[in-house]
């Protein structure tokens, strides 16, 4: 259904309900914001460019902390590095709840490690971190897996012989195979039809999640769920992925050796068996399949999309790619694989990767939070269960921390001596208790894949750098880079 039609239907519904209802009730003492209409909330203040544009415009009038009504529900918006850190770090426990994303709520139902709350979330996060660590995260074995996958990618790129290609699925393949090796205990061939189907579903779902239609759905899910739209396609895609995961779990169950767990699924199944007499256990089938879906999806799309943005930026700024290659040649050379130990000796490359993540701005409005108790914040009272949007984009583009916030400039992360410097505003993985649990593995992937590719290839485009457009294809929950062609020329 066209976005304009969705808006019209929402408006009609709102005006009908106006006949029966008054103004929204006051909830505690929330921060100020634009006056909402009954049911419609602040729809009339929303920009056609989407939620992010709307929030940034409202920030100019109401400051860094304000309230917006998405339809009938109030959401507190946090903008800027200081407000986000004050909430998610200084008041970490209070802001540790997870809010909802309406288009995927019917699939996740607050199960799994990302969208759960309370003891369920704490239990699943502890288990997931420990298990992923056991199967490679934070240990040398994950480095070896990434190195091996990077070499498979190099061989695949050599086959192109410098012909222009779209890297979307190749970059998905390499990042998906790392998380697959930990979760499923195996990697897949780049031409495996089932694997490519799953990656296509991930890509389409991430794009649909970030579409304008999904943002409209966020305002009026209770009404719009009865009509055709992107929300139905998203649910259909995710159900197909869940079916695959379910079949894989059954294969694991049939071949499980309790004395030698192979991966995340085996370890979870053993924990399920151990706690089968506990009626209140969180280790059940639903939490397993949704946790695997969460890890598989997040572990694939975030790193692969960042790499696509990264190489688009290398085409746009070839002098930066050349400086990275010079550092690679000096520190690594051409006859050995890049290692994680090289990072400390390669501040410019690290600064470039940081700047790619900053400008890619992958989850611009952040994953919604929720306060788990009545919370006093900056003189306001946020009642328990108030939803909170930490606008990560406003930190990553914070002019108080980045001299040229809208410009690609690796110097943002280098001090006067050319050493890598930390920056409080750099939070691409969010911050606080809900920080992305795959941050470590994602950072390892980005460094090893990025350096291995530029060690072996120079990149070029048929377009002049000045003509390369960085405008995202979609910008909503996620920011999707434009599709582009790139040539990899053997060095």
Protein backbone atom coordinates (compact mmCIF):
# COMPACT_ATOMS: atom_id res chain seq x y z
CA UNK A 1 0.00 0.00 0.00
CA UNK A 2 1.30 3.47 -0.91
CA UNK A 3 2.51 5.61 2.03
CA UNK A 4 0.11 8.41 1.03
CA UNK A 5 -2.82 5.97 1.22
CA UNK A 6 -1.64 4.79 4.66
CA UNK A 7 -1.51 8.38 5.87
CA UNK A 8 -4.98 9.11 4.51
CA UNK A 9 -6.44 6.04 6.23
CA UNK A 10 -4.75 7.00 9.49
CA UNK A 11 -6.11 10.53 9.26
CA UNK A 12 -9.63 9.30 8.58
CA UNK A 13 -9.47 6.94 11.55
CA UNK A 14 -8.16 9.71 13.78
CA UNK A 15 -10.91 12.15 12.92
CA UNK A 16 -13.57 9.48 13.44
CA UNK A 17 -12.17 8.66 16.87
CA UNK A 18 -11.99 12.37 17.71
CA UNK A 19 -15.76 12.22 17.95
CA UNK A 20 -15.49 9.83 20.87
CA UNK A 21 -12.35 10.84 22.71
CA UNK A 22 -10.78 13.89 24.26
CA UNK A 23 -7.13 14.81 24.41
CA UNK A 24 -4.44 12.29 25.39
CA UNK A 25 -4.04 11.85 29.12
CA UNK A 26 -1.03 13.37 30.80
CA UNK A 27 1.60 10.74 31.63
CA UNK A 28 3.67 11.78 34.64
CA UNK A 29 5.72 14.91 34.04
CA UNK A 30 7.19 14.27 30.60
CA UNK A 31 9.58 16.62 28.80
CA UNK A 32 7.92 19.30 26.65
CA UNK A 33 7.15 18.75 22.98
CA UNK A 34 4.66 19.66 20.29
CA UNK A 35 1.04 19.54 21.41
CA UNK A 36 -0.52 16.25 20.25
CA UNK A 37 -3.93 15.72 18.73
CA UNK A 38 -6.08 12.92 20.14
CA UNK A 39 -5.20 9.59 18.48
CA UNK A 40 -3.17 11.28 15.74
CA UNK A 41 -0.52 12.43 18.20
CA UNK A 42 2.07 14.57 16.43
CA UNK A 43 1.36 13.24 12.95
CA UNK A 44 0.91 16.77 11.59
CA UNK A 45 4.41 17.71 12.82
CA UNK A 46 6.02 14.72 11.10
CA UNK A 47 8.25 15.41 8.10
CA UNK A 48 7.74 13.47 4.85
CA UNK A 49 11.44 12.63 5.04
CA UNK A 50 10.71 10.22 7.91
CA UNK A 51 11.13 9.99 11.66
CA UNK A 52 14.79 11.05 11.83
CA UNK A 53 14.18 14.28 9.91
CA UNK A 54 11.11 14.96 12.06
CA UNK A 55 13.02 14.49 15.32
CA UNK A 56 15.93 16.67 14.17
CA UNK A 57 13.55 19.50 13.25
CA UNK A 58 11.70 19.25 16.57
CA UNK A 59 15.04 19.27 18.42
CA UNK A 60 15.72 22.78 17.11
CA UNK A 61 12.63 24.03 18.94
CA UNK A 62 12.49 21.80 22.04
CA UNK A 63 16.12 21.00 22.78
CA UNK A 64 17.90 17.70 23.37
CA UNK A 65 15.17 16.02 25.44
CA UNK A 66 11.53 16.23 24.35
CA UNK A 67 8.36 14.18 23.98
CA UNK A 68 6.71 13.15 20.73
CA UNK A 69 3.43 11.30 20.38
CA UNK A 70 3.72 8.55 17.78
CA UNK A 71 0.01 8.19 17.27
CA UNK A 72 -1.50 7.91 20.75
CA UNK A 73 1.68 6.82 22.57
CA UNK A 74 4.26 9.19 24.04
CA UNK A 75 7.95 8.60 23.28
CA UNK A 76 10.78 10.55 24.92
CA UNK A 77 13.45 11.54 22.40
CA UNK A 78 17.10 11.90 23.47
CA UNK A 79 19.41 13.89 21.20
CA UNK A 80 23.10 14.63 21.46
CA UNK A 81 25.97 12.80 23.10
CA UNK A 82 25.48 14.21 26.59
CA UNK A 83 21.76 13.42 26.90
CA UNK A 84 22.18 9.89 25.52
CA UNK A 85 25.13 9.07 27.78
CA UNK A 86 23.43 10.61 30.81
CA UNK A 87 20.43 8.33 30.27
CA UNK A 88 21.98 5.07 29.03
CA UNK A 89 25.21 5.17 31.07
CA UNK A 90 24.61 7.33 34.15
CA UNK A 91 21.07 5.92 34.62
CA UNK A 92 21.88 2.61 32.95
CA UNK A 93 19.60 0.35 34.99
CA UNK A 94 16.54 2.61 34.77
CA UNK A 95 16.85 2.92 30.97
CA UNK A 96 17.71 -0.76 30.38
CA UNK A 97 14.27 -1.83 29.17
CA UNK A 98 13.67 -2.58 25.52
CA UNK A 99 10.96 -0.73 23.60
CA UNK A 100 9.08 -2.12 20.63
CA UNK A 101 9.44 -1.88 16.87
CA UNK A 102 5.86 -2.32 15.73
CA UNK A 103 6.49 -4.01 12.37
CA UNK A 104 8.45 -6.90 13.94
CA UNK A 105 6.68 -7.18 17.27
CA UNK A 106 4.27 -9.90 16.02
CA UNK A 107 7.27 -12.13 15.22
CA UNK A 108 9.53 -11.45 18.21
CA UNK A 109 6.84 -11.11 20.94
CA UNK A 110 9.54 -10.00 23.45
CA UNK A 111 11.33 -13.35 23.11
CA UNK A 112 15.02 -13.79 22.30
CA UNK A 113 18.07 -11.86 23.39
CA UNK A 114 17.44 -8.49 21.68
CA UNK A 115 13.76 -7.68 22.26
CA UNK A 116 13.17 -9.31 25.65
CA UNK A 117 13.01 -7.55 29.02
CA UNK A 118 13.57 -8.18 32.72
CA UNK A 119 15.03 -11.46 33.92
CA UNK A 120 14.48 -13.06 30.51
CA UNK A 121 16.77 -10.51 28.88
CA UNK A 122 19.42 -10.74 31.61
CA UNK A 123 19.45 -14.54 31.49
CA UNK A 124 19.63 -14.75 27.69
CA UNK A 125 22.26 -12.01 27.40
CA UNK A 126 24.53 -13.69 29.98
CA UNK A 127 24.13 -17.05 28.21
CA UNK A 128 24.66 -15.58 24.73
CA UNK A 129 27.81 -13.65 25.68
CA UNK A 130 29.33 -16.66 27.46
CA UNK A 131 28.45 -19.11 24.68
CA UNK A 132 29.64 -16.86 21.85
CA UNK A 133 32.87 -16.37 23.77
CA UNK A 134 33.28 -20.15 24.12
CA UNK A 135 32.85 -20.57 20.36
CA UNK A 136 35.23 -17.86 19.29
CA UNK A 137 34.12 -14.38 20.27
CA UNK A 138 37.04 -12.68 21.97
CA UNK A 139 39.37 -15.66 21.39
CA UNK A 140 41.95 -16.32 18.74
CA UNK A 141 39.71 -18.81 16.93
CA UNK A 142 37.33 -16.08 15.77
CA UNK A 143 40.30 -14.24 14.29
CA UNK A 144 41.24 -17.37 12.37
CA UNK A 145 37.68 -17.81 11.12
CA UNK A 146 37.58 -14.23 9.84
CA UNK A 147 41.00 -14.61 8.21
CA UNK A 148 39.88 -17.80 6.45
CA UNK A 149 36.65 -16.17 5.29
CA UNK A 150 38.59 -13.12 4.08
CA UNK A 151 40.77 -15.39 1.93
CA UNK A 152 37.67 -17.03 0.45
CA UNK A 153 36.43 -13.54 -0.43
CA UNK A 154 39.78 -12.60 -2.01
CA UNK A 155 39.58 -15.69 -4.26
CA UNK A 156 36.03 -14.77 -5.24
CA UNK A 157 37.00 -11.17 -6.06
CA UNK A 158 39.95 -12.37 -8.15
CA UNK A 159 37.49 -14.29 -10.34
CA UNK A 160 35.85 -10.98 -11.31
CA UNK A 161 39.12 -9.93 -13.03
CA UNK A 162 38.41 -6.28 -12.37
CA UNK A 163 34.90 -6.28 -13.85
CA UNK A 164 32.41 -4.01 -12.04
CA UNK A 165 30.23 -5.84 -9.54
CA UNK A 166 27.67 -5.24 -6.80
CA UNK A 167 29.10 -6.42 -3.46
CA UNK A 168 25.79 -6.63 -1.58
CA UNK A 169 25.53 -10.42 -1.40
CA UNK A 170 29.27 -11.09 -1.23
CA UNK A 171 29.66 -8.88 1.83
CA UNK A 172 26.59 -10.52 3.33
CA UNK A 173 28.12 -13.95 2.70
CA UNK A 174 31.32 -13.23 4.59
CA UNK A 175 29.69 -11.65 7.63
CA UNK A 176 26.90 -14.25 7.74
CA UNK A 177 29.44 -17.09 7.62
CA UNK A 178 31.19 -15.82 10.75
CA UNK A 179 27.99 -15.76 12.80
CA UNK A 180 26.85 -19.05 11.16
CA UNK A 181 30.06 -20.77 12.26
CA UNK A 182 29.33 -19.77 15.86
CA UNK A 183 25.56 -20.33 15.88
CA UNK A 184 25.13 -23.25 13.43
CA UNK A 185 28.65 -24.68 13.59
CA UNK A 186 29.18 -24.40 9.82
CA UNK A 187 29.90 -21.98 7.00
CA UNK A 188 28.18 -21.95 3.61
CA UNK A 189 29.43 -21.81 0.05
CA UNK A 190 28.77 -18.48 -1.65
CA UNK A 191 26.63 -20.22 -4.26
CA UNK A 192 24.55 -22.30 -1.81
CA UNK A 193 20.95 -21.63 -2.89
CA UNK A 194 19.44 -21.91 0.60
CA UNK A 195 22.11 -19.59 2.00
CA UNK A 196 21.56 -17.00 -0.73
CA UNK A 197 17.81 -17.17 -0.15
CA UNK A 198 18.29 -16.40 3.54
CA UNK A 199 20.58 -13.48 2.70
CA UNK A 200 18.03 -12.13 0.22
CA UNK A 201 15.37 -12.30 2.94
CA UNK A 202 17.66 -10.44 5.36
CA UNK A 203 18.45 -7.70 2.86
CA UNK A 204 14.82 -7.21 1.82
CA UNK A 205 13.66 -7.20 5.44
CA UNK A 206 16.25 -4.65 6.55
CA UNK A 207 15.26 -2.43 3.60
CA UNK A 208 11.55 -2.77 4.38
CA UNK A 209 12.17 -2.08 8.08
CA UNK A 210 13.84 1.17 7.06
CA UNK A 211 11.16 2.25 4.58
CA UNK A 212 8.79 5.19 4.97
CA UNK A 213 5.84 2.78 5.10
CA UNK A 214 7.28 1.03 8.15
CA UNK A 215 7.75 4.40 9.84
CA UNK A 216 4.10 5.27 9.22
CA UNK A 217 3.13 1.86 10.60
CA UNK A 218 5.03 2.74 13.79
CA UNK A 219 2.51 5.52 14.42
CA UNK A 220 -0.68 3.49 13.98
CA UNK A 221 0.09 -0.26 14.19
CA UNK A 222 -3.17 -1.16 15.92
CA UNK A 223 -5.14 0.14 12.92
CA UNK A 224 -2.82 -0.43 9.96
CA UNK A 225 -2.14 -4.09 10.82
CA UNK A 226 -5.51 -4.93 9.26
CA UNK A 227 -4.44 -3.62 5.86
CA UNK A 228 -1.87 -4.85 3.31
CA UNK A 229 1.56 -3.27 3.62
CA UNK A 230 5.25 -3.77 4.25
CA UNK A 231 4.54 -5.12 7.75
CA UNK A 232 3.00 -8.25 6.23
CA UNK A 233 5.96 -8.85 3.93
CA UNK A 234 8.37 -8.38 6.85
CA UNK A 235 6.45 -10.97 8.91
CA UNK A 236 6.39 -13.37 5.95
CA UNK A 237 10.15 -13.01 5.42
CA UNK A 238 10.97 -13.53 9.08
CA UNK A 239 8.67 -16.56 9.33
CA UNK A 240 10.52 -18.18 6.42
CA UNK A 241 13.84 -17.60 8.20
CA UNK A 242 12.37 -19.02 11.44
CA UNK A 243 11.28 -22.17 9.58
CA UNK A 244 14.87 -22.68 8.42
CA UNK A 245 16.16 -22.13 11.96
CA UNK A 246 13.56 -24.57 13.34
CA UNK A 247 14.66 -27.29 10.89
CA UNK A 248 18.30 -26.64 11.81
CA UNK A 249 17.49 -26.93 15.52
CA UNK A 250 15.84 -30.31 14.91
CA UNK A 251 18.92 -31.52 12.98
CA UNK A 252 21.06 -30.44 15.91
CA UNK A 253 18.77 -32.22 18.36
CA UNK A 254 19.00 -35.45 16.36
CA UNK A 255 22.81 -35.40 16.22
CA UNK A 256 23.59 -33.86 19.61
CA UNK A 257 26.57 -35.24 21.53
CA UNK A 258 26.30 -33.95 25.13
CA UNK A 259 30.04 -34.42 25.65
CA UNK A 260 31.01 -32.28 22.63
CA UNK A 261 28.69 -29.33 21.87
CA UNK A 262 29.48 -27.93 18.44
CA UNK A 263 27.97 -24.45 18.60
CA UNK A 264 25.46 -22.06 20.16
CA UNK A 265 22.44 -24.27 19.33
CA UNK A 266 23.98 -27.41 20.87
CA UNK A 267 24.89 -25.51 24.02
CA UNK A 268 21.38 -24.10 24.31
CA UNK A 269 19.78 -27.54 23.79
CA UNK A 270 21.94 -28.95 26.60
CA UNK A 271 20.83 -26.09 28.86
CA UNK A 272 17.19 -26.80 27.91
CA UNK A 273 17.61 -30.43 28.92
CA UNK A 274 19.25 -29.43 32.19
CA UNK A 275 16.38 -27.09 33.09
CA UNK A 276 13.46 -29.12 31.72
CA UNK A 277 11.99 -29.63 35.22
CA UNK A 278 12.00 -25.86 35.88
CA UNK A 279 8.58 -24.51 34.91
CA UNK A 280 9.89 -20.93 34.91
CA UNK A 281 13.00 -21.52 32.82
CA UNK A 282 13.82 -19.13 29.98
CA UNK A 283 15.57 -21.95 28.13
CA UNK A 284 12.77 -23.10 25.86
CA UNK A 285 12.27 -23.48 22.11
CA UNK A 286 10.74 -20.05 21.50
CA UNK A 287 13.62 -18.18 23.11
CA UNK A 288 16.09 -20.37 21.21
CA UNK A 289 14.76 -19.77 17.69
CA UNK A 290 14.16 -16.04 18.27
CA UNK A 291 17.64 -15.62 19.79
CA UNK A 292 19.21 -17.38 16.79
CA UNK A 293 17.16 -15.19 14.44
CA UNK A 294 18.32 -12.08 16.32
CA UNK A 295 22.00 -13.05 16.27
CA UNK A 296 21.89 -14.27 12.66
CA UNK A 297 20.11 -11.15 11.36
CA UNK A 298 22.06 -8.57 13.38
CA UNK A 299 25.37 -10.37 12.85
CA UNK A 300 24.88 -10.38 9.08
CA UNK A 301 23.30 -7.04 8.20
CA UNK A 302 25.23 -4.63 10.43
CA UNK A 303 28.78 -5.53 9.36
CA UNK A 304 27.93 -6.19 5.71
CA UNK A 305 26.12 -2.86 5.34
CA UNK A 306 29.01 -1.04 7.03
CA UNK A 307 31.46 -2.64 4.57
CA UNK A 308 29.29 -1.57 1.64
CA UNK A 309 29.27 2.00 2.94
CA UNK A 310 33.01 1.75 3.54
CA UNK A 311 33.93 0.84 -0.01
CA UNK A 312 31.53 3.40 -1.44
CA UNK A 313 33.42 5.98 0.63
CA UNK A 314 36.74 4.62 -0.67
CA UNK A 315 35.48 5.24 -4.22
CA UNK A 316 34.36 8.74 -3.26
CA UNK A 317 37.65 9.53 -1.46
CA UNK A 318 40.39 7.57 -3.30
CA UNK A 319 43.18 9.46 -1.50
CA UNK A 320 41.97 7.90 1.76
CA UNK A 321 42.10 4.39 0.27
CA UNK A 322 45.64 5.10 -0.93
CA UNK A 323 46.75 6.20 2.56
CA UNK A 324 45.23 3.05 4.07
CA UNK A 325 47.08 0.91 1.53
CA UNK A 326 50.33 2.71 2.31
CA UNK A 327 49.89 1.89 6.00
CA UNK A 328 49.01 -1.73 5.14
CA UNK A 329 52.18 -2.01 3.03
CA UNK A 330 54.32 -0.56 5.83
CA UNK A 331 52.91 -2.62 8.70
CA UNK A 332 51.70 -5.87 7.10
CA UNK A 333 53.25 -6.05 3.66
CA UNK A 334 51.89 -8.31 0.94
CA UNK A 335 53.05 -11.76 2.07
CA UNK A 336 51.13 -12.39 5.29
CA UNK A 337 47.55 -12.12 6.50
CA UNK A 338 46.41 -9.09 8.49
CA UNK A 339 45.98 -9.91 12.19
CA UNK A 340 44.17 -8.20 15.04
CA UNK A 341 47.56 -7.42 16.59
CA UNK A 342 48.20 -5.10 13.63
CA UNK A 343 45.45 -2.74 14.77
CA UNK A 344 47.55 -0.96 17.37
CA UNK A 345 50.21 -0.19 14.73
CA UNK A 346 47.69 1.11 12.18
CA UNK A 347 46.04 4.22 13.67
CA UNK A 348 45.10 5.74 10.31
CA UNK A 349 43.30 2.59 9.14
CA UNK A 350 41.50 2.34 12.49
CA UNK A 351 40.50 6.02 12.22
CA UNK A 352 39.15 5.40 8.71
CA UNK A 353 37.06 2.45 9.91
CA UNK A 354 35.73 4.52 12.82
CA UNK A 355 34.83 7.33 10.44
CA UNK A 356 33.09 4.88 8.08
CA UNK A 357 30.97 3.64 10.99
CA UNK A 358 30.24 7.20 12.09
CA UNK A 359 29.14 8.41 8.67
CA UNK A 360 27.33 5.16 7.80
CA UNK A 361 25.17 5.89 10.85
CA UNK A 362 23.63 2.45 10.49
CA UNK A 363 20.85 2.59 13.12
CA UNK A 364 20.18 6.35 13.17
CA UNK A 365 17.25 6.49 15.61
CA UNK A 366 18.63 3.68 17.76
CA UNK A 367 16.76 0.59 18.91
CA UNK A 368 13.99 1.78 21.27
CA UNK A 369 14.54 1.67 25.03
CA UNK A 370 12.03 1.69 27.87
CA UNK A 371 12.38 2.83 31.48
CA UNK A 372 11.84 -0.10 33.84
CA UNK A 373 10.65 2.06 36.75
CA UNK A 374 9.42 5.60 37.43
CA UNK A 375 12.53 7.63 36.60
CA UNK A 376 13.51 11.22 37.31
CA UNK A 377 15.60 12.59 34.47
CA UNK A 378 16.66 16.22 33.98
CA UNK A 379 13.82 17.45 36.17
CA UNK A 380 11.12 15.37 34.48
CA UNK A 381 9.32 12.25 35.64
CA UNK A 382 9.24 9.37 33.17
CA UNK A 383 6.66 6.82 34.35
CA UNK A 384 7.57 3.14 34.27
CA UNK A 385 7.40 1.67 30.72
CA UNK A 386 7.79 5.05 28.98
CA UNK A 387 9.49 4.40 25.61
CA UNK A 388 12.72 6.26 24.88
CA UNK A 389 14.44 6.75 21.53
CA UNK A 390 18.20 7.48 21.84
CA UNK A 391 18.91 9.17 18.50
CA UNK A 392 22.37 7.73 17.81
CA UNK A 393 22.67 9.82 14.65
CA UNK A 394 22.63 12.98 16.76
CA UNK A 395 25.68 11.73 18.68
CA UNK A 396 27.55 10.50 15.60
CA UNK A 397 27.00 13.94 14.01
CA UNK A 398 27.44 15.97 17.19
CA UNK A 399 29.26 19.23 16.28
CA UNK A 400 30.54 19.51 19.87
CA UNK A 401 32.60 16.34 19.31
CA UNK A 402 33.23 16.34 15.54
CA UNK A 403 34.62 19.43 13.85
CA UNK A 404 33.01 18.62 10.48
CA UNK A 405 30.12 16.33 11.47
CA UNK A 406 28.68 15.91 7.97
CA UNK A 407 32.02 15.42 6.21
CA UNK A 408 34.05 12.22 5.83
CA UNK A 409 37.25 13.02 7.68
CA UNK A 410 39.35 10.32 9.44
CA UNK A 411 41.13 13.10 11.35
CA UNK A 412 38.06 13.11 13.64
CA UNK A 413 39.69 10.09 15.32
CA UNK A 414 43.36 11.12 15.23
CA UNK A 415 45.23 13.34 17.68
CA UNK A 416 47.95 15.86 16.82
CA UNK A 417 50.56 13.07 16.79
CA UNK A 418 48.57 10.86 14.41
CA UNK A 419 47.55 8.40 17.16
CA UNK A 420 44.03 7.03 17.45
CA UNK A 421 41.94 8.97 19.96
CA UNK A 422 38.73 8.01 21.72
CA UNK A 423 35.60 10.07 21.25
CA UNK A 424 32.64 9.94 23.64
CA UNK A 425 30.21 10.61 20.81
CA UNK A 426 31.27 7.49 18.89
CA UNK A 427 28.48 5.04 19.70
CA UNK A 428 27.55 3.11 16.52
CA UNK A 429 26.75 0.07 18.69
CA UNK A 430 24.75 2.23 21.16
CA UNK A 431 25.97 2.39 24.77
CA UNK A 432 25.05 1.31 28.29
CA UNK A 433 23.54 -2.01 29.34
CA UNK A 434 21.86 -2.59 25.98
CA UNK A 435 25.00 -2.05 23.88
CA UNK A 436 25.16 -4.49 20.96
CA UNK A 437 26.42 -7.82 22.31
CA UNK A 438 28.21 -8.49 19.01
CA UNK A 439 30.29 -5.31 19.14
CA UNK A 440 33.58 -7.17 19.63
CA UNK A 441 33.12 -9.56 16.75
CA UNK A 442 31.85 -6.78 14.45
CA UNK A 443 34.92 -4.63 15.13
CA UNK A 444 37.19 -7.61 14.41
CA UNK A 445 35.35 -8.34 11.15
CA UNK A 446 35.51 -4.76 9.93
CA UNK A 447 39.26 -4.48 10.52
CA UNK A 448 40.26 -7.85 9.04
CA UNK A 449 37.92 -7.76 6.04
CA UNK A 450 38.71 -4.13 5.23
CA UNK A 451 42.48 -4.52 5.43
CA UNK A 452 42.56 -7.88 3.63
CA UNK A 453 40.61 -6.48 0.67
CA UNK A 454 42.77 -3.35 0.38
CA UNK A 455 45.94 -5.41 0.85
CA UNK A 456 45.05 -7.39 -2.27
CA UNK A 457 43.09 -4.95 -4.42
CA UNK A 458 42.79 -1.35 -5.47
CA UNK A 459 39.19 -0.22 -6.02
CA UNK A 460 37.76 1.87 -8.82
CA UNK A 461 34.48 3.02 -10.33
CA UNK A 462 33.34 4.07 -13.78
CA UNK A 463 32.04 7.24 -12.12
CA UNK A 464 34.24 10.18 -11.15
CA UNK A 465 34.55 10.56 -7.35
CA UNK A 466 32.71 13.89 -7.43
CA UNK A 467 29.71 12.22 -9.11
CA UNK A 468 29.36 9.41 -6.55
CA UNK A 469 26.21 9.95 -4.52
CA UNK A 470 26.21 8.86 -0.86
CA UNK A 471 22.46 9.46 -0.37
CA UNK A 472 20.97 6.42 1.36
CA UNK A 473 18.44 4.25 -0.42
CA UNK A 474 16.31 4.10 2.75
CA UNK A 475 16.60 5.82 6.12
CA UNK A 476 14.40 4.63 8.98
CA UNK A 477 15.25 2.00 11.58
CA UNK A 478 18.34 1.43 9.46
CA UNK A 479 20.23 3.44 6.87
CA UNK A 480 20.61 1.51 3.60
CA UNK A 481 23.41 2.61 1.25
CA UNK A 482 22.68 3.12 -2.45
CA UNK A 483 23.50 0.22 -4.76
CA UNK A 484 26.68 0.73 -6.74
CA UNK A 485 29.21 -1.04 -8.95
CA UNK A 486 32.83 -1.41 -7.88
CA UNK A 487 35.89 -2.92 -9.57
CA UNK A 488 38.57 -4.79 -7.59
CA UNK A 489 41.91 -4.56 -9.38
CA UNK A 490 44.68 -6.91 -8.20
CA UNK A 491 47.63 -5.00 -6.74
